[in-house]
C-alpha atoms as a PDB file:
ATOM      1  CA  MET A   1    -242.505 -57.464 127.963  1.00  0.00           C
ATOM      2  CA  LYS A   2    -241.849 -57.853 131.644  1.00  0.00           C
ATOM      3  CA  ALA A   3    -238.102 -58.330 131.121  1.00  0.00           C
ATOM      4  CA  GLU A   4    -237.908 -55.243 128.944  1.00  0.00           C
ATOM      5  CA  GLY A   5    -239.792 -53.247 131.562  1.00  0.00           C
ATOM      6  CA  TRP A   6    -237.350 -54.291 134.295  1.00  0.00           C
ATOM      7  CA  LEU A   7    -234.380 -53.519 132.046  1.00  0.00           C
ATOM      8  CA  PHE A   8    -235.570 -49.960 131.497  1.00  0.00           C
ATOM      9  CA  ALA A   9    -236.573 -49.609 135.162  1.00  0.00           C
ATOM     10  CA  VAL A  10    -232.974 -50.415 136.135  1.00  0.00           C
ATOM     11  CA  MET A  11    -231.762 -47.859 133.580  1.00  0.00           C
ATOM     12  CA  THR A  12    -234.167 -45.290 135.045  1.00  0.00           C
ATOM     13  CA  THR A  13    -232.810 -45.947 138.526  1.00  0.00           C
ATOM     14  CA  PHE A  14    -229.242 -45.634 137.254  1.00  0.00           C
ATOM     15  CA  PHE A  15    -229.961 -42.284 135.606  1.00  0.00           C
ATOM     16  CA  ALA A  16    -231.778 -41.041 138.723  1.00  0.00           C
ATOM     17  CA  VAL A  17    -228.895 -41.909 141.051  1.00  0.00           C
ATOM     18  CA  THR A  18    -226.266 -40.640 138.617  1.00  0.00           C
ATOM     19  CA  GLY A  19    -228.244 -37.447 138.030  1.00  0.00           C
ATOM     20  CA  LEU A  20    -228.600 -36.753 141.751  1.00  0.00           C
ATOM     21  CA  ILE A  21    -224.893 -37.322 142.419  1.00  0.00           C
ATOM     22  CA  TYR A  22    -223.880 -35.307 139.368  1.00  0.00           C
ATOM     23  CA  GLY A  23    -226.347 -32.540 140.212  1.00  0.00           C
ATOM     24  CA  PHE A  24    -224.919 -32.260 143.725  1.00  0.00           C
ATOM     25  CA  TRP A  25    -221.292 -31.862 142.621  1.00  0.00           C
ATOM     26  CA  ALA A  26    -221.452 -30.343 139.133  1.00  0.00           C
ATOM     27  CA  ARG A  27    -221.770 -26.642 138.470  1.00  0.00           C
ATOM     28  CA  GLU A  28    -222.731 -26.792 134.798  1.00  0.00           C
ATOM     29  CA  PRO A  29    -226.327 -27.274 133.620  1.00  0.00           C
ATOM     30  CA  ALA A  30    -225.799 -29.293 130.408  1.00  0.00           C
ATOM     31  CA  GLY A  31    -224.940 -32.579 132.096  1.00  0.00           C
ATOM     32  CA  LYS A  32    -227.786 -32.142 134.563  1.00  0.00           C
ATOM     33  CA  ALA A  33    -230.220 -31.591 131.709  1.00  0.00           C
ATOM     34  CA  ILE A  34    -228.936 -34.588 129.764  1.00  0.00           C
ATOM     35  CA  LEU A  35    -229.212 -36.888 132.766  1.00  0.00           C
ATOM     36  CA  ALA A  36    -232.696 -35.565 133.559  1.00  0.00           C
ATOM     37  CA  VAL A  37    -233.851 -36.229 129.989  1.00  0.00           C
ATOM     38  CA  ALA A  38    -232.250 -39.699 130.038  1.00  0.00           C
ATOM     39  CA  PHE A  39    -234.074 -40.416 133.311  1.00  0.00           C
ATOM     40  CA  LEU A  40    -237.415 -39.260 131.928  1.00  0.00           C
ATOM     41  CA  MET A  41    -237.080 -41.089 128.623  1.00  0.00           C
ATOM     42  CA  SER A  42    -236.005 -44.405 130.143  1.00  0.00           C
ATOM     43  CA  GLY A  43    -238.802 -44.074 132.698  1.00  0.00           C
ATOM     44  CA  LEU A  44    -241.291 -43.519 129.887  1.00  0.00           C
ATOM     45  CA  VAL A  45    -240.121 -46.633 128.040  1.00  0.00           C
ATOM     46  CA  ALA A  46    -240.215 -48.697 131.260  1.00  0.00           C
ATOM     47  CA  LEU A  47    -243.750 -47.491 131.934  1.00  0.00           C
ATOM     48  CA  PHE A  48    -244.755 -48.408 128.379  1.00  0.00           C
ATOM     49  CA  TRP A  49    -243.451 -51.977 128.743  1.00  0.00           C
ATOM     50  CA  PHE A  50    -245.096 -52.490 132.131  1.00  0.00           C
ATOM     51  CA  VAL A  51    -248.431 -51.183 130.812  1.00  0.00           C
ATOM     52  CA  GLN A  52    -248.179 -53.481 127.781  1.00  0.00           C
ATOM     53  CA  TYR A  53    -247.461 -56.401 130.099  1.00  0.00           C
ATOM     54  CA  GLN A  54    -250.546 -55.639 132.184  1.00  0.00           C
ATOM     55  CA  ARG A  55    -252.702 -55.042 129.119  1.00  0.00           C
ATOM     56  CA  SER A  56    -251.773 -58.360 127.552  1.00  0.00           C
ATOM     57  CA  GLY A  57    -252.939 -60.249 130.627  1.00  0.00           C
ATOM     58  CA  GLY A  58    -249.632 -61.657 131.766  1.00  0.00           C
ATOM     59  CA  GLY A  59    -247.376 -61.182 128.822  1.00  0.00           C
ATOM     60  CA  ARG A  60    -246.061 -63.245 126.008  1.00  0.00           C
ATOM     61  CA  ALA A  61    -244.974 -66.844 126.015  1.00  0.00           C
ATOM     62  CA  GLN A  62    -241.380 -65.604 126.320  1.00  0.00           C
ATOM     63  CA  ASP A  63    -242.235 -64.143 129.720  1.00  0.00           C
ATOM     64  CA  ARG A  64    -243.259 -67.505 131.196  1.00  0.00           C
ATOM     65  CA  LYS A  65    -240.771 -70.126 132.358  1.00  0.00           C
ATOM     66  CA  ASP A  66    -243.083 -73.042 131.459  1.00  0.00           C
ATOM     67  CA  ALA A  67    -243.724 -71.903 127.854  1.00  0.00           C
ATOM     68  CA  GLU A  68    -243.203 -74.159 124.864  1.00  0.00           C
ATOM     69  CA  ILE A  69    -241.522 -73.061 121.637  1.00  0.00           C
ATOM     70  CA  ALA A  70    -244.650 -73.970 119.657  1.00  0.00           C
ATOM     71  CA  GLU A  71    -246.640 -71.307 121.525  1.00  0.00           C
ATOM     72  CA  THR A  72    -244.726 -68.581 119.709  1.00  0.00           C
ATOM     73  CA  ALA A  73    -245.338 -70.003 116.223  1.00  0.00           C
ATOM     74  CA  GLY A  74    -247.531 -68.221 113.726  1.00  0.00           C
ATOM     75  CA  PRO A  75    -247.752 -64.717 112.327  1.00  0.00           C
ATOM     76  CA  LEU A  76    -246.121 -62.046 114.450  1.00  0.00           C
ATOM     77  CA  GLY A  77    -247.985 -59.070 113.105  1.00  0.00           C
ATOM     78  CA  PHE A  78    -247.933 -56.469 110.387  1.00  0.00           C
ATOM     79  CA  PHE A  79    -244.602 -55.138 109.177  1.00  0.00           C
ATOM     80  CA  PRO A  80    -244.671 -52.390 106.531  1.00  0.00           C
ATOM     81  CA  ALA A  81    -242.598 -52.948 103.418  1.00  0.00           C
ATOM     82  CA  ARG A  82    -241.261 -49.426 102.947  1.00  0.00           C
ATOM     83  CA  SER A  83    -242.023 -45.823 103.726  1.00  0.00           C
ATOM     84  CA  GLY A  84    -240.914 -42.447 102.445  1.00  0.00           C
ATOM     85  CA  TYR A  85    -241.722 -40.698 105.684  1.00  0.00           C
ATOM     86  CA  PRO A  86    -238.310 -41.211 107.360  1.00  0.00           C
ATOM     87  CA  VAL A  87    -236.687 -39.214 104.550  1.00  0.00           C
ATOM     88  CA  LEU A  88    -239.338 -36.519 104.872  1.00  0.00           C
ATOM     89  CA  ALA A  89    -238.842 -36.385 108.642  1.00  0.00           C
ATOM     90  CA  ALA A  90    -235.067 -36.096 108.210  1.00  0.00           C
ATOM     91  CA  ALA A  91    -235.497 -33.291 105.688  1.00  0.00           C
ATOM     92  CA  GLY A  92    -237.915 -31.454 107.986  1.00  0.00           C
ATOM     93  CA  LEU A  93    -235.576 -31.810 110.938  1.00  0.00           C
ATOM     94  CA  ALA A  94    -232.619 -30.614 108.859  1.00  0.00           C
ATOM     95  CA  VAL A  95    -234.512 -27.535 107.661  1.00  0.00           C
ATOM     96  CA  PHE A  96    -235.665 -26.876 111.229  1.00  0.00           C
ATOM     97  CA  ALA A  97    -232.070 -27.088 112.522  1.00  0.00           C
ATOM     98  CA  ILE A  98    -230.766 -24.840 109.761  1.00  0.00           C
ATOM     99  CA  GLY A  99    -233.534 -22.403 110.652  1.00  0.00           C
ATOM    100  CA  LEU A 100    -232.256 -22.260 114.239  1.00  0.00           C
ATOM    101  CA  VAL A 101    -228.967 -20.972 112.880  1.00  0.00           C
ATOM    102  CA  PHE A 102    -229.946 -18.782 109.941  1.00  0.00           C
ATOM    103  CA  ALA A 103    -233.585 -17.664 109.755  1.00  0.00           C
ATOM    104  CA  ARG A 104    -236.782 -17.976 111.733  1.00  0.00           C
ATOM    105  CA  TRP A 105    -238.912 -18.602 108.672  1.00  0.00           C
ATOM    106  CA  LEU A 106    -236.928 -21.786 108.031  1.00  0.00           C
ATOM    107  CA  ILE A 107    -237.886 -22.979 111.508  1.00  0.00           C
ATOM    108  CA  VAL A 108    -241.541 -22.682 110.551  1.00  0.00           C
ATOM    109  CA  CYS A 109    -240.999 -24.470 107.216  1.00  0.00           C
ATOM    110  CA  GLY A 110    -239.053 -27.265 108.891  1.00  0.00           C
ATOM    111  CA  ALA A 111    -241.670 -27.641 111.620  1.00  0.00           C
ATOM    112  CA  VAL A 112    -244.441 -27.949 109.026  1.00  0.00           C
ATOM    113  CA  VAL A 113    -242.540 -30.584 107.032  1.00  0.00           C
ATOM    114  CA  LEU A 114    -241.673 -32.465 110.220  1.00  0.00           C
ATOM    115  CA  ALA A 115    -245.297 -32.354 111.401  1.00  0.00           C
ATOM    116  CA  LEU A 116    -246.483 -33.728 108.047  1.00  0.00           C
ATOM    117  CA  ALA A 117    -243.921 -36.521 108.267  1.00  0.00           C
ATOM    118  CA  VAL A 118    -244.993 -37.465 111.799  1.00  0.00           C
ATOM    119  CA  PHE A 119    -248.654 -37.366 110.750  1.00  0.00           C
ATOM    120  CA  GLY A 120    -247.811 -39.607 107.794  1.00  0.00           C
ATOM    121  CA  PHE A 121    -245.915 -42.030 110.034  1.00  0.00           C
ATOM    122  CA  ILE A 122    -248.875 -42.318 112.368  1.00  0.00           C
ATOM    123  CA  PHE A 123    -251.616 -42.770 109.783  1.00  0.00           C
ATOM    124  CA  GLN A 124    -249.759 -44.454 106.917  1.00  0.00           C
ATOM    125  CA  TYR A 125    -250.909 -48.008 107.628  1.00  0.00           C
ATOM    126  CA  ARG A 126    -254.038 -47.454 109.683  1.00  0.00           C
ATOM    127  CA  ASP A 127    -256.114 -49.586 107.262  1.00  0.00           C
ATOM    128  CA  HIS A 128    -253.729 -52.469 106.584  1.00  0.00           C
ATOM    129  CA  GLY A 129    -256.422 -55.128 106.853  1.00  0.00           C
ATOM    130  CA  ASP A 130    -255.815 -56.763 110.226  1.00  0.00           C
ATOM    131  CA  GLY A 131    -259.406 -56.563 111.369  1.00  0.00           C
ATOM    132  CA  GLY A 132    -259.178 -53.110 112.938  1.00  0.00           C
ATOM    133  CA  ALA A 133    -256.583 -53.915 115.588  1.00  0.00           C
END
């Protein structure tokens, strides 16, 4: 988790420097917005990995140089078999995008379908039997 955090921290720094240089010379707002969003998103992911590293009390065995291969043996966690929610989310996003072009009522319909899909993603496997973790 620590290595992933540093990887995204370097990406965040790259996007910050590139965005500042580009923002100084460029006259169009689209590139500035894209670089700002890339900076914020990579910073968010870096923050997530660093928080996970701190929360786990020093990270995984892969983060230590003196770790043995046997320390990583055993079950890794819960992995869901399949889900219909990605298709529902794609349909909701498609209807939302079509609504941006053609009709406002389609935006509302797409947003509702997309919200249901995200809600389903979040709560689909909340009781998968891992002891409440």
